[in-house]
């Protein structure tokens, strides 16, 4: 059975932010289950990154705009590639109503938390959250796992409706696709995108046995895909010279 490595490339800034948050929430949930002090530290570090993204972006507004667009697309039958459309609409509507019902800017509860803010201030210094820097944080890290787990759940809870919405939207996008088998002559392939269509995401799947990694660049009009050889002996990566077969997935809704 063939094993593939997948490389995703978002085609607009909104989807780029959503994918970054998806990865951060996955990391947070992973370390949330850990029992060590280092798991707690990493969970806090990831939560700091999540908060930083929320501070720079009005994500509630961005998510609701996407939800409204997807609901209209599904109601109008604009995308036949989506499966179980009748099941998707209630999911979208339920989460959308939850988001509309929330008030205030998401993340303000942590901005007002003194312990969390002290961690934020010291985190800009390499190794700046040692016990002698932040004894209160050290005390928190030494508490029973049940105590720190409950705090992390409480601190992250206001973000979870947004995360559920983003996860659902990315699932829609990944399901709404066309798949083609392609060849990259001498490791190079270019695709032209119709700007009248709502392209959201490209995915390149390469067999794991292929000794190349994929670099994707471009935007909503044109994308370039290069298959690169990993560096050896401190050399820079180089584009391969072989013809490379791959699977191209174009997601749009």
Protein backbone atom coordinates (compact mmCIF):
# COMPACT_ATOMS: atom_id res chain seq x y z
CA UNK A 1 0.00 0.00 0.00
CA UNK A 2 1.38 3.41 -0.98
CA UNK A 3 2.13 5.96 1.72
CA UNK A 4 2.01 9.67 0.90
CA UNK A 5 3.27 12.90 2.39
CA UNK A 6 0.81 15.79 1.96
CA UNK A 7 1.74 19.44 1.49
CA UNK A 8 -1.05 22.01 1.81
CA UNK A 9 -0.89 25.54 0.46
CA UNK A 10 -3.58 28.11 1.39
CA UNK A 11 -4.58 30.46 -1.43
CA UNK A 12 -5.66 33.42 0.69
CA UNK A 13 -4.71 35.01 4.00
CA UNK A 14 -7.89 33.95 5.79
CA UNK A 15 -7.31 30.25 5.14
CA UNK A 16 -3.64 30.68 6.03
CA UNK A 17 -4.62 31.96 9.49
CA UNK A 18 -7.20 29.21 9.92
CA UNK A 19 -4.63 26.47 9.18
CA UNK A 20 -2.12 28.01 11.58
CA UNK A 21 -4.75 28.03 14.31
CA UNK A 22 -5.74 24.46 13.49
CA UNK A 23 -2.16 23.32 14.05
CA UNK A 24 -1.84 25.34 17.28
CA UNK A 25 -5.07 23.92 18.72
CA UNK A 26 -3.95 20.39 17.82
CA UNK A 27 -0.67 20.99 19.64
CA UNK A 28 -2.48 22.49 22.63
CA UNK A 29 -4.88 19.54 22.91
CA UNK A 30 -1.97 17.10 22.66
CA UNK A 31 0.03 18.68 25.49
CA UNK A 32 -3.12 19.24 27.54
CA UNK A 33 -3.24 15.47 28.03
CA UNK A 34 0.39 15.27 29.18
CA UNK A 35 1.39 14.84 32.80
CA UNK A 36 4.83 16.45 32.88
CA UNK A 37 5.86 20.02 33.74
CA UNK A 38 7.18 20.32 30.19
CA UNK A 39 3.75 19.43 28.78
CA UNK A 40 2.23 22.21 30.92
CA UNK A 41 4.89 24.67 29.79
CA UNK A 42 4.37 23.78 26.14
CA UNK A 43 0.58 24.03 26.47
CA UNK A 44 0.99 27.54 27.92
CA UNK A 45 3.46 28.48 25.15
CA UNK A 46 1.03 27.33 22.46
CA UNK A 47 -1.82 29.18 24.16
CA UNK A 48 0.32 32.34 24.02
CA UNK A 49 0.61 31.90 20.25
CA UNK A 50 -3.16 31.41 19.95
CA UNK A 51 -3.81 34.57 21.96
CA UNK A 52 -1.33 36.53 19.81
CA UNK A 53 -3.19 35.55 16.62
CA UNK A 54 -6.54 36.48 18.16
CA UNK A 55 -5.17 39.88 19.22
CA UNK A 56 -4.07 40.68 15.67
CA UNK A 57 -7.24 39.48 13.92
CA UNK A 58 -10.99 39.82 14.39
CA UNK A 59 -11.42 36.08 13.98
CA UNK A 60 -15.04 35.95 15.09
CA UNK A 61 -15.97 38.30 12.23
CA UNK A 62 -13.77 36.40 9.74
CA UNK A 63 -15.30 33.05 10.68
CA UNK A 64 -18.87 34.37 10.48
CA UNK A 65 -18.22 35.82 7.01
CA UNK A 66 -16.99 32.42 5.82
CA UNK A 67 -19.90 30.62 7.46
CA UNK A 68 -22.44 32.87 5.75
CA UNK A 69 -20.73 32.29 2.40
CA UNK A 70 -20.63 28.50 2.87
CA UNK A 71 -24.28 28.35 3.98
CA UNK A 72 -25.33 30.25 0.85
CA UNK A 73 -23.19 28.01 -1.35
CA UNK A 74 -24.71 24.87 0.15
CA UNK A 75 -28.28 26.17 -0.05
CA UNK A 76 -27.81 27.14 -3.68
CA UNK A 77 -26.15 23.83 -4.56
CA UNK A 78 -23.05 25.55 -5.87
CA UNK A 79 -20.73 22.68 -5.03
CA UNK A 80 -21.67 19.10 -5.93
CA UNK A 81 -18.44 17.68 -4.50
CA UNK A 82 -19.52 18.17 -0.90
CA UNK A 83 -20.96 15.05 0.66
CA UNK A 84 -23.86 14.92 3.10
CA UNK A 85 -24.87 18.50 2.38
CA UNK A 86 -28.15 18.08 4.26
CA UNK A 87 -26.18 17.16 7.40
CA UNK A 88 -23.73 20.04 7.02
CA UNK A 89 -26.21 22.90 7.02
CA UNK A 90 -27.50 22.26 10.58
CA UNK A 91 -23.89 22.01 11.82
CA UNK A 92 -23.00 25.34 10.25
CA UNK A 93 -26.14 27.02 11.52
CA UNK A 94 -25.68 25.76 15.09
CA UNK A 95 -22.07 26.96 15.40
CA UNK A 96 -22.91 30.22 13.63
CA UNK A 97 -25.65 30.94 16.19
CA UNK A 98 -23.21 30.26 19.05
CA UNK A 99 -20.70 32.71 17.62
CA UNK A 100 -23.32 35.43 17.05
CA UNK A 101 -24.42 34.99 20.67
CA UNK A 102 -20.94 35.61 22.12
CA UNK A 103 -20.17 39.15 23.25
CA UNK A 104 -16.88 41.02 23.60
CA UNK A 105 -13.53 40.27 22.04
CA UNK A 106 -12.39 36.66 22.35
CA UNK A 107 -9.32 36.41 24.58
CA UNK A 108 -10.00 39.40 26.86
CA UNK A 109 -10.31 37.05 29.84
CA UNK A 110 -6.60 36.20 29.53
CA UNK A 111 -5.53 39.79 28.98
CA UNK A 112 -7.02 40.53 32.41
CA UNK A 113 -5.37 37.50 34.09
CA UNK A 114 -2.30 38.67 36.06
CA UNK A 115 -0.50 35.31 36.05
CA UNK A 116 -0.98 34.90 32.33
CA UNK A 117 0.16 38.43 31.61
CA UNK A 118 3.32 37.95 33.66
CA UNK A 119 4.07 34.84 31.57
CA UNK A 120 3.48 36.85 28.37
CA UNK A 121 5.92 39.55 29.45
CA UNK A 122 8.68 37.12 30.42
CA UNK A 123 8.21 34.80 27.40
CA UNK A 124 9.87 37.32 25.08
CA UNK A 125 13.13 36.64 26.97
CA UNK A 126 14.86 33.32 26.09
CA UNK A 127 14.43 31.09 29.13
CA UNK A 128 12.67 33.96 30.88
CA UNK A 129 10.09 31.87 32.74
CA UNK A 130 12.42 30.06 35.16
CA UNK A 131 11.37 29.62 38.77
CA UNK A 132 13.46 32.61 39.91
CA UNK A 133 11.82 34.79 37.22
CA UNK A 134 8.23 33.75 37.87
CA UNK A 135 7.83 32.00 41.24
CA UNK A 136 4.02 32.16 40.91
CA UNK A 137 4.21 30.33 37.58
CA UNK A 138 6.60 27.77 39.14
CA UNK A 139 4.08 27.23 41.94
CA UNK A 140 1.32 26.67 39.37
CA UNK A 141 3.47 24.18 37.43
CA UNK A 142 4.05 22.18 40.62
CA UNK A 143 0.34 21.77 41.37
CA UNK A 144 -1.46 18.47 40.85
CA UNK A 145 -2.28 17.75 37.23
CA UNK A 146 -6.00 18.03 37.93
CA UNK A 147 -5.53 21.66 39.04
CA UNK A 148 -3.44 22.75 36.06
CA UNK A 149 -5.68 20.79 33.67
CA UNK A 150 -8.76 22.61 34.93
CA UNK A 151 -7.02 26.00 34.61
CA UNK A 152 -5.92 25.25 31.04
CA UNK A 153 -9.45 24.15 30.15
CA UNK A 154 -10.89 27.34 31.64
CA UNK A 155 -8.34 29.59 29.89
CA UNK A 156 -8.86 27.92 26.52
CA UNK A 157 -12.66 27.50 26.66
CA UNK A 158 -13.57 30.91 25.08
CA UNK A 159 -11.50 29.97 22.01
CA UNK A 160 -13.10 26.58 21.50
CA UNK A 161 -16.22 27.69 19.61
CA UNK A 162 -13.95 29.46 17.13
CA UNK A 163 -11.77 26.35 16.88
CA UNK A 164 -14.84 24.15 16.26
CA UNK A 165 -15.93 26.54 13.52
CA UNK A 166 -12.48 26.62 11.89
CA UNK A 167 -12.17 22.83 12.03
CA UNK A 168 -15.59 22.44 10.41
CA UNK A 169 -14.78 24.96 7.67
CA UNK A 170 -11.44 23.36 6.85
CA UNK A 171 -13.17 19.98 6.64
CA UNK A 172 -15.64 21.49 4.14
CA UNK A 173 -12.82 22.94 2.09
CA UNK A 174 -10.85 19.69 2.03
CA UNK A 175 -13.95 17.71 1.03
CA UNK A 176 -14.84 20.15 -1.75
CA UNK A 177 -12.14 19.21 -4.21
CA UNK A 178 -11.06 18.00 -7.60
CA UNK A 179 -8.18 15.48 -7.75
CA UNK A 180 -5.83 14.90 -10.67
CA UNK A 181 -2.70 12.83 -11.21
CA UNK A 182 0.13 14.97 -12.54
CA UNK A 183 3.77 14.82 -13.60
CA UNK A 184 6.30 17.52 -12.74
CA UNK A 185 8.90 17.53 -15.56
CA UNK A 186 12.36 17.92 -14.00
CA UNK A 187 10.69 18.66 -10.70
CA UNK A 188 8.71 21.71 -11.85
CA UNK A 189 4.96 22.21 -12.27
CA UNK A 190 2.82 25.31 -12.70
CA UNK A 191 -0.94 25.63 -12.38
CA UNK A 192 -3.07 28.56 -13.54
CA UNK A 193 -6.17 29.22 -11.45
CA UNK A 194 -9.43 30.73 -12.66
CA UNK A 195 -9.81 33.89 -10.57
CA UNK A 196 -13.61 33.69 -11.02
CA UNK A 197 -13.71 30.50 -8.95
CA UNK A 198 -13.42 30.41 -5.13
CA UNK A 199 -10.11 28.54 -4.83
CA UNK A 200 -9.16 28.05 -1.20
CA UNK A 201 -6.44 25.45 -0.91
CA UNK A 202 -4.04 23.29 -2.93
CA UNK A 203 -2.70 19.98 -1.71
CA UNK A 204 0.20 18.05 -3.20
CA UNK A 205 0.55 14.36 -2.27
CA UNK A 206 3.88 12.68 -2.95
CA UNK A 207 4.84 9.09 -2.28
CA UNK A 208 6.91 8.86 0.88
CA UNK A 209 9.59 6.85 -0.90
CA UNK A 210 10.32 9.81 -3.19
CA UNK A 211 13.48 11.57 -1.90
CA UNK A 212 12.06 15.08 -2.37
CA UNK A 213 10.17 17.72 -0.43
CA UNK A 214 7.71 20.14 -2.03
CA UNK A 215 7.91 23.93 -2.24
CA UNK A 216 4.69 25.69 -3.29
CA UNK A 217 4.49 29.39 -4.03
CA UNK A 218 2.05 31.75 -5.71
CA UNK A 219 -1.41 33.12 -5.12
CA UNK A 220 -4.97 33.12 -6.36
CA UNK A 221 -4.00 33.39 -10.06
CA UNK A 222 -1.04 31.04 -10.46
CA UNK A 223 0.94 28.58 -8.34
CA UNK A 224 4.33 27.01 -8.83
CA UNK A 225 5.26 23.60 -7.42
CA UNK A 226 8.89 22.57 -7.12
CA UNK A 227 10.26 19.23 -5.96
CA UNK A 228 13.45 19.82 -4.02
CA UNK A 229 16.27 17.56 -2.92
CA UNK A 230 17.17 17.94 0.78
CA UNK A 231 20.60 19.50 1.33
CA UNK A 232 23.70 17.39 1.81
CA UNK A 233 27.05 18.47 3.25
CA UNK A 234 25.72 21.98 4.10
CA UNK A 235 24.66 22.63 0.51
CA UNK A 236 21.41 24.43 -0.24
CA UNK A 237 18.37 22.40 -1.41
CA UNK A 238 18.26 21.95 -5.18
CA UNK A 239 15.41 21.28 -7.55
CA UNK A 240 15.48 17.68 -8.70
CA UNK A 241 16.11 16.78 -12.34
CA UNK A 242 13.77 13.78 -12.54
CA UNK A 243 10.14 13.74 -13.64
CA UNK A 244 8.06 13.41 -10.49
CA UNK A 245 4.55 11.92 -10.36
CA UNK A 246 2.21 13.41 -7.76
CA UNK A 247 -1.44 13.90 -6.88
CA UNK A 248 -2.83 17.43 -7.04
CA UNK A 249 -5.95 18.35 -5.07
CA UNK A 250 -7.64 21.68 -5.76
CA UNK A 251 -10.12 22.65 -3.03
CA UNK A 252 -12.71 25.32 -3.64
CA UNK A 253 -16.07 26.39 -2.25
